[in-house]
Amino acid sequence: MREPGWPDELDAVRVVYTRGYDAIPEDISEAVIGEVRYLLTVQAGPTSTTVGGESVAFASPAATMPPAWTRAVDRYRLHRGDMP
């Protein structure tokens, strides 16, 4: 081993990282499927226009997540300092 530092041999260090759930929680799965279905039906259109020097921006229907999505995801959201 070199001093100080990592080993100089190939494959001498192995990193294993495990996170998340073994299975996707049902409410998350349903929220994702519902959002994808919704996004597939949204018609793309202009998000802003300018007339006579005045600009107007329109909210995109896909720009905000529906309440069902937010409720499902918030149950699993980690905040700074939270431990899983």
N, C-alpha and C. Protein backbone atom coordinates (compact mmCIF):
# COMPACT_ATOMS: atom_id res chain seq x y z
N MET A 1 0.84 -1.17 0.00
CA MET A 1 0.00 0.00 0.00
C MET A 1 0.89 1.24 0.00
N ARG A 2 0.51 2.20 -0.81
CA ARG A 2 1.24 3.47 -0.82
C ARG A 2 0.94 4.24 0.45
N GLU A 3 1.85 5.01 0.88
CA GLU A 3 1.64 5.84 2.08
C GLU A 3 1.56 7.28 1.68
N PRO A 4 0.64 8.06 2.13
CA PRO A 4 -0.70 7.64 2.51
C PRO A 4 -1.56 7.53 1.25
N GLY A 5 -2.67 6.87 1.34
CA GLY A 5 -3.57 6.84 0.20
C GLY A 5 -4.22 5.51 -0.04
N TRP A 6 -4.71 5.37 -1.26
CA TRP A 6 -5.41 4.18 -1.68
C TRP A 6 -4.42 3.10 -2.07
N PRO A 7 -4.85 1.84 -2.03
CA PRO A 7 -3.98 0.76 -2.50
C PRO A 7 -3.64 0.96 -3.98
N ASP A 8 -2.48 0.50 -4.39
CA ASP A 8 -2.11 0.64 -5.79
C ASP A 8 -2.40 -0.62 -6.60
N GLU A 9 -3.13 -1.57 -6.01
CA GLU A 9 -3.51 -2.80 -6.70
C GLU A 9 -4.88 -2.63 -7.34
N LEU A 10 -5.05 -3.22 -8.52
CA LEU A 10 -6.32 -3.18 -9.21
C LEU A 10 -7.36 -3.97 -8.43
N ASP A 11 -8.56 -3.45 -8.29
CA ASP A 11 -9.68 -4.09 -7.60
C ASP A 11 -9.41 -4.32 -6.11
N ALA A 12 -8.55 -3.53 -5.50
CA ALA A 12 -8.23 -3.70 -4.08
C ALA A 12 -9.29 -3.09 -3.17
N VAL A 13 -10.12 -2.22 -3.73
CA VAL A 13 -11.16 -1.56 -2.93
C VAL A 13 -12.51 -1.92 -3.53
N ARG A 14 -13.42 -2.30 -2.66
CA ARG A 14 -14.78 -2.62 -3.10
C ARG A 14 -15.74 -1.73 -2.31
N VAL A 15 -16.64 -1.06 -3.01
CA VAL A 15 -17.63 -0.20 -2.37
C VAL A 15 -19.01 -0.79 -2.62
N VAL A 16 -19.78 -0.96 -1.54
CA VAL A 16 -21.14 -1.47 -1.65
C VAL A 16 -22.06 -0.41 -1.07
N TYR A 17 -23.06 0.00 -1.85
CA TYR A 17 -23.99 1.04 -1.43
C TYR A 17 -25.40 0.53 -1.62
N THR A 18 -26.17 0.51 -0.55
CA THR A 18 -27.55 0.04 -0.62
C THR A 18 -28.45 1.11 -0.04
N ARG A 19 -29.44 1.53 -0.79
CA ARG A 19 -30.41 2.53 -0.33
C ARG A 19 -31.77 2.18 -0.90
N GLY A 20 -32.77 2.87 -0.39
CA GLY A 20 -34.10 2.74 -0.96
C GLY A 20 -34.88 1.58 -0.38
N TYR A 21 -35.87 1.17 -1.12
CA TYR A 21 -36.78 0.11 -0.69
C TYR A 21 -36.56 -1.12 -1.55
N ASP A 22 -36.79 -2.30 -0.96
CA ASP A 22 -36.70 -3.53 -1.75
C ASP A 22 -37.74 -3.51 -2.87
N ALA A 23 -38.92 -3.07 -2.53
CA ALA A 23 -40.00 -2.93 -3.52
C ALA A 23 -40.49 -1.48 -3.47
N ILE A 24 -40.91 -0.96 -4.62
CA ILE A 24 -41.42 0.41 -4.66
C ILE A 24 -42.74 0.44 -3.90
N PRO A 25 -42.91 1.37 -2.94
CA PRO A 25 -44.17 1.48 -2.21
C PRO A 25 -45.34 1.71 -3.18
N GLU A 26 -46.47 1.07 -2.89
CA GLU A 26 -47.64 1.11 -3.77
C GLU A 26 -48.10 2.54 -4.07
N ASP A 27 -48.13 3.41 -3.05
CA ASP A 27 -48.62 4.77 -3.30
C ASP A 27 -47.68 5.56 -4.21
N ILE A 28 -46.39 5.30 -4.12
CA ILE A 28 -45.43 5.95 -5.02
C ILE A 28 -45.62 5.43 -6.44
N SER A 29 -45.76 4.13 -6.58
CA SER A 29 -45.98 3.53 -7.89
C SER A 29 -47.23 4.09 -8.55
N GLU A 30 -48.32 4.17 -7.80
CA GLU A 30 -49.57 4.71 -8.35
C GLU A 30 -49.42 6.18 -8.72
N ALA A 31 -48.72 6.95 -7.90
CA ALA A 31 -48.53 8.38 -8.19
C ALA A 31 -47.71 8.57 -9.47
N VAL A 32 -46.66 7.77 -9.64
CA VAL A 32 -45.83 7.89 -10.84
C VAL A 32 -46.62 7.49 -12.08
N ILE A 33 -47.34 6.39 -12.02
CA ILE A 33 -48.14 5.94 -13.16
C ILE A 33 -49.19 6.99 -13.51
N GLY A 34 -49.86 7.54 -12.50
CA GLY A 34 -50.87 8.57 -12.74
C GLY A 34 -50.27 9.81 -13.38
N GLU A 35 -49.11 10.23 -12.91
CA GLU A 35 -48.47 11.42 -13.46
C GLU A 35 -48.03 11.19 -14.90
N VAL A 36 -47.50 10.01 -15.21
CA VAL A 36 -47.10 9.71 -16.58
C VAL A 36 -48.32 9.71 -17.49
N ARG A 37 -49.40 9.10 -17.05
CA ARG A 37 -50.63 9.12 -17.86
C ARG A 37 -51.08 10.55 -18.13
N TYR A 38 -51.03 11.39 -17.10
CA TYR A 38 -51.43 12.79 -17.26
C TYR A 38 -50.51 13.50 -18.25
N LEU A 39 -49.21 13.35 -18.07
CA LEU A 39 -48.26 14.04 -18.94
C LEU A 39 -48.38 13.61 -20.40
N LEU A 40 -48.79 12.37 -20.62
CA LEU A 40 -48.96 11.90 -22.00
C LEU A 40 -50.18 12.53 -22.67
N THR A 41 -51.10 13.09 -21.89
CA THR A 41 -52.30 13.71 -22.47
C THR A 41 -52.19 15.22 -22.58
N VAL A 42 -51.17 15.83 -21.97
CA VAL A 42 -51.02 17.28 -22.00
C VAL A 42 -50.57 17.72 -23.39
N GLN A 43 -51.28 18.67 -23.94
CA GLN A 43 -50.91 19.22 -25.24
C GLN A 43 -49.92 20.35 -25.03
N ALA A 44 -48.81 20.29 -25.73
CA ALA A 44 -47.82 21.35 -25.62
C ALA A 44 -48.35 22.60 -26.30
N GLY A 45 -48.08 23.72 -25.71
CA GLY A 45 -48.52 25.00 -26.28
C GLY A 45 -47.55 26.08 -25.88
N PRO A 46 -47.85 27.30 -26.29
CA PRO A 46 -46.95 28.40 -25.94
C PRO A 46 -46.93 28.64 -24.44
N THR A 47 -45.78 29.01 -23.93
CA THR A 47 -45.67 29.32 -22.50
C THR A 47 -45.59 30.82 -22.27
N SER A 48 -45.37 31.59 -23.34
CA SER A 48 -45.38 33.04 -23.20
C SER A 48 -45.62 33.67 -24.57
N THR A 49 -46.04 34.92 -24.56
CA THR A 49 -46.25 35.66 -25.80
C THR A 49 -45.94 37.12 -25.54
N THR A 50 -45.57 37.82 -26.60
CA THR A 50 -45.30 39.25 -26.51
C THR A 50 -46.12 39.95 -27.58
N VAL A 51 -46.89 40.95 -27.15
CA VAL A 51 -47.71 41.74 -28.06
C VAL A 51 -47.48 43.21 -27.72
N GLY A 52 -47.09 43.99 -28.71
CA GLY A 52 -46.90 45.42 -28.49
C GLY A 52 -45.92 45.75 -27.38
N GLY A 53 -44.88 44.96 -27.23
CA GLY A 53 -43.89 45.22 -26.20
C GLY A 53 -44.25 44.69 -24.83
N GLU A 54 -45.45 44.14 -24.66
CA GLU A 54 -45.89 43.56 -23.38
C GLU A 54 -45.76 42.05 -23.45
N SER A 55 -45.17 41.45 -22.44
CA SER A 55 -45.01 40.00 -22.39
C SER A 55 -45.92 39.41 -21.33
N VAL A 56 -46.47 38.25 -21.66
CA VAL A 56 -47.32 37.51 -20.72
C VAL A 56 -46.82 36.07 -20.70
N ALA A 57 -46.64 35.50 -19.50
CA ALA A 57 -46.23 34.11 -19.35
C ALA A 57 -47.42 33.30 -18.86
N PHE A 58 -47.59 32.12 -19.41
CA PHE A 58 -48.68 31.23 -19.04
C PHE A 58 -48.13 30.07 -18.23
N ALA A 59 -48.89 29.64 -17.26
CA ALA A 59 -48.48 28.46 -16.48
C ALA A 59 -48.63 27.24 -17.36
N SER A 60 -47.64 26.39 -17.32
CA SER A 60 -47.71 25.13 -18.05
C SER A 60 -48.44 24.11 -17.20
N PRO A 61 -49.42 23.38 -17.76
CA PRO A 61 -50.13 22.38 -16.96
C PRO A 61 -49.20 21.33 -16.37
N ALA A 62 -48.09 21.08 -17.03
CA ALA A 62 -47.16 20.06 -16.54
C ALA A 62 -46.15 20.62 -15.54
N ALA A 63 -46.22 21.93 -15.27
CA ALA A 63 -45.22 22.55 -14.41
C ALA A 63 -45.44 22.26 -12.94
N THR A 64 -46.63 21.89 -12.55
CA THR A 64 -46.91 21.62 -11.14
C THR A 64 -47.37 20.18 -10.98
N MET A 65 -47.02 19.61 -9.87
CA MET A 65 -47.43 18.23 -9.61
C MET A 65 -48.80 18.23 -8.94
N PRO A 66 -49.62 17.25 -9.25
CA PRO A 66 -50.95 17.17 -8.64
C PRO A 66 -50.85 16.86 -7.15
N PRO A 67 -51.88 17.21 -6.38
CA PRO A 67 -51.86 16.97 -4.93
C PRO A 67 -51.61 15.51 -4.55
N ALA A 68 -52.16 14.56 -5.31
CA ALA A 68 -51.96 13.14 -4.98
C ALA A 68 -50.48 12.78 -5.05
N TRP A 69 -49.79 13.31 -6.04
CA TRP A 69 -48.36 13.08 -6.18
C TRP A 69 -47.62 13.64 -4.97
N THR A 70 -47.92 14.88 -4.64
CA THR A 70 -47.25 15.55 -3.52
C THR A 70 -47.48 14.81 -2.21
N ARG A 71 -48.70 14.38 -1.95
CA ARG A 71 -49.00 13.65 -0.71
C ARG A 71 -48.21 12.35 -0.65
N ALA A 72 -48.18 11.61 -1.75
CA ALA A 72 -47.49 10.32 -1.76
C ALA A 72 -45.99 10.51 -1.55
N VAL A 73 -45.40 11.43 -2.27
CA VAL A 73 -43.95 11.62 -2.20
C VAL A 73 -43.54 12.22 -0.86
N ASP A 74 -44.32 13.13 -0.31
CA ASP A 74 -43.96 13.76 0.96
C ASP A 74 -43.82 12.76 2.10
N ARG A 75 -44.53 11.65 2.03
CA ARG A 75 -44.42 10.64 3.09
C ARG A 75 -43.04 10.00 3.13
N TYR A 76 -42.33 10.05 2.02
CA TYR A 76 -41.02 9.40 1.92
C TYR A 76 -39.86 10.39 1.82
N ARG A 77 -40.16 11.67 1.78
CA ARG A 77 -39.13 12.69 1.59
C ARG A 77 -38.24 12.80 2.83
N LEU A 78 -36.95 12.81 2.60
CA LEU A 78 -35.99 13.02 3.69
C LEU A 78 -35.55 14.48 3.66
N HIS A 79 -35.41 15.04 4.82
CA HIS A 79 -34.96 16.42 4.93
C HIS A 79 -33.57 16.43 5.55
N ARG A 80 -32.87 17.50 5.38
CA ARG A 80 -31.52 17.59 5.92
C ARG A 80 -31.51 17.20 7.39
N GLY A 81 -30.66 16.29 7.76
CA GLY A 81 -30.55 15.84 9.14
C GLY A 81 -31.41 14.63 9.46
N ASP A 82 -32.35 14.27 8.56
CA ASP A 82 -33.17 13.08 8.80
C ASP A 82 -32.33 11.83 8.62
N MET A 83 -32.64 10.83 9.38
CA MET A 83 -31.99 9.54 9.22
C MET A 83 -33.03 8.56 8.70
N PRO A 84 -32.69 7.81 7.65
CA PRO A 84 -33.67 6.84 7.11
C PRO A 84 -33.94 5.71 8.08
